[in-house]
N, C-alpha and C. Protein backbone atom coordinates (compact mmCIF):
# COMPACT_ATOMS: atom_id res chain seq x y z
N MET A 1 82.93 102.41 79.16
CA MET A 1 84.18 102.43 79.89
C MET A 1 85.26 101.83 78.98
N SER A 2 86.41 102.49 78.91
CA SER A 2 87.48 102.02 78.03
C SER A 2 88.24 100.86 78.68
N ASP A 3 89.05 100.21 77.87
CA ASP A 3 89.85 99.09 78.37
C ASP A 3 90.79 99.52 79.49
N ILE A 4 91.38 100.70 79.34
CA ILE A 4 92.31 101.17 80.38
C ILE A 4 91.57 101.49 81.67
N ASP A 5 90.35 102.02 81.55
CA ASP A 5 89.54 102.28 82.75
C ASP A 5 89.24 100.97 83.47
N GLU A 6 88.91 99.95 82.70
CA GLU A 6 88.64 98.64 83.29
C GLU A 6 89.89 98.06 83.93
N ALA A 7 91.06 98.28 83.29
CA ALA A 7 92.32 97.79 83.85
C ALA A 7 92.65 98.50 85.15
N VAL A 8 92.39 99.80 85.21
CA VAL A 8 92.63 100.56 86.44
C VAL A 8 91.70 100.08 87.55
N ASP A 9 90.43 99.89 87.23
CA ASP A 9 89.48 99.38 88.22
C ASP A 9 89.91 98.01 88.74
N ALA A 10 90.33 97.14 87.83
CA ALA A 10 90.77 95.80 88.22
C ALA A 10 92.02 95.89 89.11
N PHE A 11 92.94 96.79 88.75
CA PHE A 11 94.15 96.96 89.55
C PHE A 11 93.80 97.44 90.96
N LEU A 12 92.94 98.44 91.05
CA LEU A 12 92.58 98.98 92.36
C LEU A 12 91.91 97.93 93.23
N ASP A 13 91.02 97.14 92.65
CA ASP A 13 90.37 96.06 93.39
C ASP A 13 91.39 95.03 93.86
N ALA A 14 92.29 94.65 92.96
CA ALA A 14 93.30 93.65 93.30
C ALA A 14 94.25 94.17 94.38
N ALA A 15 94.68 95.43 94.24
CA ALA A 15 95.59 96.02 95.22
C ALA A 15 94.91 96.11 96.59
N GLU A 16 93.67 96.49 96.60
CA GLU A 16 92.94 96.55 97.87
C GLU A 16 92.85 95.18 98.51
N GLY A 17 92.64 94.16 97.68
CA GLY A 17 92.59 92.79 98.19
C GLY A 17 93.91 92.36 98.81
N VAL A 18 95.01 92.75 98.18
CA VAL A 18 96.33 92.42 98.73
C VAL A 18 96.51 93.11 100.08
N TYR A 19 96.19 94.39 100.15
CA TYR A 19 96.31 95.12 101.42
C TYR A 19 95.43 94.49 102.50
N ASP A 20 94.23 94.11 102.15
CA ASP A 20 93.33 93.48 103.13
C ASP A 20 93.91 92.17 103.64
N GLU A 21 94.42 91.33 102.71
CA GLU A 21 95.00 90.05 103.13
C GLU A 21 96.22 90.28 104.03
N TYR A 22 97.03 91.27 103.70
CA TYR A 22 98.19 91.58 104.53
C TYR A 22 97.75 92.07 105.90
N ASP A 23 96.81 92.99 105.93
CA ASP A 23 96.32 93.53 107.21
C ASP A 23 95.71 92.44 108.09
N ASP A 24 95.07 91.46 107.46
CA ASP A 24 94.45 90.37 108.20
C ASP A 24 95.44 89.27 108.59
N GLY A 25 96.69 89.40 108.13
CA GLY A 25 97.72 88.44 108.50
C GLY A 25 97.74 87.19 107.65
N TYR A 26 97.05 87.19 106.51
CA TYR A 26 97.00 86.01 105.66
C TYR A 26 98.24 85.86 104.80
N ILE A 27 98.93 86.97 104.49
CA ILE A 27 100.14 86.93 103.68
C ILE A 27 101.20 87.80 104.32
N ASP A 28 102.47 87.46 104.05
CA ASP A 28 103.56 88.27 104.60
C ASP A 28 103.91 89.41 103.64
N ALA A 29 104.82 90.26 104.07
CA ALA A 29 105.16 91.46 103.28
C ALA A 29 105.76 91.09 101.93
N ASP A 30 106.63 90.09 101.88
CA ASP A 30 107.24 89.70 100.61
C ASP A 30 106.20 89.22 99.61
N THR A 31 105.25 88.44 100.08
CA THR A 31 104.19 87.95 99.21
C THR A 31 103.31 89.10 98.74
N ALA A 32 103.00 90.01 99.64
CA ALA A 32 102.17 91.16 99.27
C ALA A 32 102.85 91.99 98.20
N LEU A 33 104.14 92.25 98.37
CA LEU A 33 104.86 93.04 97.38
C LEU A 33 104.95 92.32 96.04
N SER A 34 105.13 91.02 96.08
CA SER A 34 105.17 90.24 94.85
C SER A 34 103.84 90.31 94.11
N GLN A 35 102.75 90.17 94.85
CA GLN A 35 101.43 90.24 94.24
C GLN A 35 101.15 91.63 93.68
N LEU A 36 101.52 92.66 94.43
CA LEU A 36 101.34 94.03 93.93
C LEU A 36 102.17 94.26 92.66
N GLY A 37 103.38 93.72 92.63
CA GLY A 37 104.21 93.84 91.44
C GLY A 37 103.56 93.18 90.24
N ASP A 38 102.94 92.02 90.46
CA ASP A 38 102.23 91.35 89.36
C ASP A 38 101.08 92.20 88.85
N HIS A 39 100.35 92.82 89.78
CA HIS A 39 99.22 93.66 89.39
C HIS A 39 99.69 94.92 88.65
N VAL A 40 100.81 95.47 89.08
CA VAL A 40 101.37 96.63 88.38
C VAL A 40 101.77 96.24 86.95
N SER A 41 102.37 95.08 86.81
CA SER A 41 102.76 94.61 85.47
C SER A 41 101.55 94.44 84.57
N THR A 42 100.48 93.90 85.11
CA THR A 42 99.25 93.73 84.34
C THR A 42 98.69 95.09 83.91
N LEU A 43 98.70 96.04 84.83
CA LEU A 43 98.22 97.39 84.51
C LEU A 43 99.11 98.04 83.46
N ARG A 44 100.41 97.88 83.60
CA ARG A 44 101.35 98.46 82.63
C ARG A 44 101.11 97.87 81.24
N ASP A 45 100.91 96.56 81.18
CA ASP A 45 100.64 95.90 79.89
C ASP A 45 99.37 96.45 79.25
N ALA A 46 98.34 96.65 80.05
CA ALA A 46 97.08 97.19 79.53
C ALA A 46 97.29 98.61 79.00
N HIS A 47 98.10 99.38 79.70
CA HIS A 47 98.39 100.76 79.28
C HIS A 47 99.15 100.76 77.97
N GLU A 48 100.13 99.90 77.84
CA GLU A 48 100.95 99.85 76.63
C GLU A 48 100.15 99.36 75.43
N GLU A 49 99.12 98.54 75.65
CA GLU A 49 98.30 98.04 74.56
C GLU A 49 97.32 99.10 74.05
N GLU A 50 97.04 100.08 74.89
CA GLU A 50 96.06 101.13 74.57
C GLU A 50 96.53 101.99 73.43
């Protein structure tokens, strides 16, 4: 598995975790969007390094 594949898998897992926490009421919408933005940035960085 390539580095970008691993980055995509990590992003999908992290994004799913954010959605689950939001659905369960553990975080509000602003926090969820902030966390998703962080995960997108991490994925973008991995893509640019490839």
